[in-house]
Amino acid sequence: MATKKVTVTIPEELEEIRAETGDRGLSAYVAEALRVKRDRDRLLELVDWLEEEYGRVTEAERAAVTEELEHLDAEHDRRRPGGVSDAGAVA
């Protein structure tokens, strides 16, 4: 991947990140943060488009999705090595 050097100014309270980035370095940390922010912005743009076309998500729809995600999380936990099913399994 091609790279380009730029100058970035950060607030003093974020200077501690430089020490926390370790081997990856500040440039890699900033690049990843920019990717995450770009992806989030694109998702928010998609949400806006979908809300324009289909309307806002209702509280009932949000609750149903939250419940489904909780079930999926529980299933993932159950299937992971050392998960709920492994801990209670009888050999």
C-alpha atoms as a PDB file:
ATOM      1  CA  MET A   1       0.000   0.000   0.000  1.00  0.00           C
ATOM      2  CA  ALA A   2       1.332   3.395  -0.943  1.00  0.00           C
ATOM      3  CA  THR A   3       1.679   5.936   1.833  1.00  0.00           C
ATOM      4  CA  LYS A   4       2.008   9.693   2.018  1.00  0.00           C
ATOM      5  CA  LYS A   5       3.530  11.684   4.839  1.00  0.00           C
ATOM      6  CA  VAL A   6       1.254  14.300   6.430  1.00  0.00           C
ATOM      7  CA  THR A   7       1.429  16.417   9.558  1.00  0.00           C
ATOM      8  CA  VAL A   8      -1.224  15.894  12.220  1.00  0.00           C
ATOM      9  CA  THR A   9      -1.729  18.041  15.302  1.00  0.00           C
ATOM     10  CA  ILE A  10      -3.280  16.350  18.323  1.00  0.00           C
ATOM     11  CA  PRO A  11      -4.487  17.754  21.650  1.00  0.00           C
ATOM     12  CA  GLU A  12      -2.004  17.415  24.513  1.00  0.00           C
ATOM     13  CA  GLU A  13      -4.333  15.075  26.413  1.00  0.00           C
ATOM     14  CA  LEU A  14      -3.936  12.535  23.570  1.00  0.00           C
ATOM     15  CA  GLU A  15      -0.132  12.650  23.616  1.00  0.00           C
ATOM     16  CA  GLU A  16      -0.134   9.575  25.901  1.00  0.00           C
ATOM     17  CA  ILE A  17      -1.259   7.538  22.886  1.00  0.00           C
ATOM     18  CA  ARG A  18       2.226   7.873  21.412  1.00  0.00           C
ATOM     19  CA  ALA A  19       3.622   5.776  24.284  1.00  0.00           C
ATOM     20  CA  GLU A  20       0.728   3.305  24.116  1.00  0.00           C
ATOM     21  CA  THR A  21       1.094   2.532  20.400  1.00  0.00           C
ATOM     22  CA  GLY A  22       4.240   0.497  20.978  1.00  0.00           C
ATOM     23  CA  ASP A  23       5.703  -1.314  17.976  1.00  0.00           C
ATOM     24  CA  ARG A  24       2.886  -0.301  15.613  1.00  0.00           C
ATOM     25  CA  GLY A  25       3.731   3.353  15.980  1.00  0.00           C
ATOM     26  CA  LEU A  26       1.589   6.431  15.979  1.00  0.00           C
ATOM     27  CA  SER A  27       1.189   6.481  12.188  1.00  0.00           C
ATOM     28  CA  ALA A  28      -0.387   3.011  12.125  1.00  0.00           C
ATOM     29  CA  TYR A  29      -2.647   3.953  15.044  1.00  0.00           C
ATOM     30  CA  VAL A  30      -3.830   7.127  13.318  1.00  0.00           C
ATOM     31  CA  ALA A  31      -4.324   5.318   9.996  1.00  0.00           C
ATOM     32  CA  GLU A  32      -6.512   2.685  11.690  1.00  0.00           C
ATOM     33  CA  ALA A  33      -8.492   5.379  13.524  1.00  0.00           C
ATOM     34  CA  LEU A  34      -9.104   7.149  10.206  1.00  0.00           C
ATOM     35  CA  ARG A  35     -10.306   3.898   8.594  1.00  0.00           C
ATOM     36  CA  VAL A  36     -12.708   3.277  11.474  1.00  0.00           C
ATOM     37  CA  LYS A  37     -14.021   6.848  11.297  1.00  0.00           C
ATOM     38  CA  ARG A  38     -14.454   6.663   7.510  1.00  0.00           C
ATOM     39  CA  ASP A  39     -16.336   3.364   7.786  1.00  0.00           C
ATOM     40  CA  ARG A  40     -18.566   4.761  10.542  1.00  0.00           C
ATOM     41  CA  ASP A  41     -19.328   7.853   8.466  1.00  0.00           C
ATOM     42  CA  ARG A  42     -20.290   5.650   5.516  1.00  0.00           C
ATOM     43  CA  LEU A  43     -22.566   3.554   7.715  1.00  0.00           C
ATOM     44  CA  LEU A  44     -24.253   6.683   9.076  1.00  0.00           C
ATOM     45  CA  GLU A  45     -24.765   7.894   5.516  1.00  0.00           C
ATOM     46  CA  LEU A  46     -26.375   4.545   4.662  1.00  0.00           C
ATOM     47  CA  VAL A  47     -28.640   4.852   7.714  1.00  0.00           C
ATOM     48  CA  ASP A  48     -29.742   8.284   6.498  1.00  0.00           C
ATOM     49  CA  TRP A  49     -30.535   6.909   3.033  1.00  0.00           C
ATOM     50  CA  LEU A  50     -32.474   3.967   4.463  1.00  0.00           C
ATOM     51  CA  GLU A  51     -34.438   6.202   6.841  1.00  0.00           C
ATOM     52  CA  GLU A  52     -35.345   8.473   3.934  1.00  0.00           C
ATOM     53  CA  GLU A  53     -36.654   5.481   1.993  1.00  0.00           C
ATOM     54  CA  TYR A  54     -38.236   3.344   4.750  1.00  0.00           C
ATOM     55  CA  GLY A  55     -38.679   5.651   7.748  1.00  0.00           C
ATOM     56  CA  ARG A  56     -37.056   5.616  11.165  1.00  0.00           C
ATOM     57  CA  VAL A  57     -36.623   2.432  13.185  1.00  0.00           C
ATOM     58  CA  THR A  58     -39.337   2.115  15.825  1.00  0.00           C
ATOM     59  CA  GLU A  59     -38.630   1.279  19.461  1.00  0.00           C
ATOM     60  CA  ALA A  60     -40.358  -2.092  18.986  1.00  0.00           C
ATOM     61  CA  GLU A  61     -38.090  -2.910  16.023  1.00  0.00           C
ATOM     62  CA  ARG A  62     -35.027  -1.794  17.985  1.00  0.00           C
ATOM     63  CA  ALA A  63     -36.043  -3.968  20.965  1.00  0.00           C
ATOM     64  CA  ALA A  64     -36.590  -6.996  18.711  1.00  0.00           C
ATOM     65  CA  VAL A  65     -33.156  -6.595  17.142  1.00  0.00           C
ATOM     66  CA  THR A  66     -31.512  -6.124  20.540  1.00  0.00           C
ATOM     67  CA  GLU A  67     -33.133  -9.337  21.768  1.00  0.00           C
ATOM     68  CA  GLU A  68     -31.967 -11.225  18.673  1.00  0.00           C
ATOM     69  CA  LEU A  69     -28.408  -9.928  19.111  1.00  0.00           C
ATOM     70  CA  GLU A  70     -28.437 -11.057  22.737  1.00  0.00           C
ATOM     71  CA  HIS A  71     -29.473 -14.546  21.598  1.00  0.00           C
ATOM     72  CA  LEU A  72     -26.682 -14.568  18.998  1.00  0.00           C
ATOM     73  CA  ASP A  73     -24.117 -13.442  21.584  1.00  0.00           C
ATOM     74  CA  ALA A  74     -25.254 -16.211  23.921  1.00  0.00           C
ATOM     75  CA  GLU A  75     -24.953 -18.780  21.112  1.00  0.00           C
ATOM     76  CA  HIS A  76     -21.438 -17.567  20.267  1.00  0.00           C
ATOM     77  CA  ASP A  77     -20.471 -17.835  23.926  1.00  0.00           C
ATOM     78  CA  ARG A  78     -21.921 -21.334  24.070  1.00  0.00           C
ATOM     79  CA  ARG A  79     -19.971 -22.500  21.001  1.00  0.00           C
ATOM     80  CA  ARG A  80     -16.582 -20.996  21.912  1.00  0.00           C
ATOM     81  CA  PRO A  81     -14.002 -23.317  23.427  1.00  0.00           C
ATOM     82  CA  GLY A  82     -14.332 -22.973  27.176  1.00  0.00           C
ATOM     83  CA  GLY A  83     -17.802 -21.486  26.680  1.00  0.00           C
ATOM     84  CA  VAL A  84     -20.916 -22.321  28.671  1.00  0.00           C
ATOM     85  CA  SER A  85     -21.466 -25.687  26.958  1.00  0.00           C
ATOM     86  CA  ASP A  86     -17.825 -26.777  27.459  1.00  0.00           C
ATOM     87  CA  ALA A  87     -17.819 -25.774  31.113  1.00  0.00           C
ATOM     88  CA  GLY A  88     -20.906 -27.812  31.876  1.00  0.00           C
ATOM     89  CA  ALA A  89     -20.201 -30.731  29.533  1.00  0.00           C
ATOM     90  CA  VAL A  90     -19.927 -34.218  30.954  1.00  0.00           C
ATOM     91  CA  ALA A  91     -17.231 -36.412  29.382  1.00  0.00           C
END
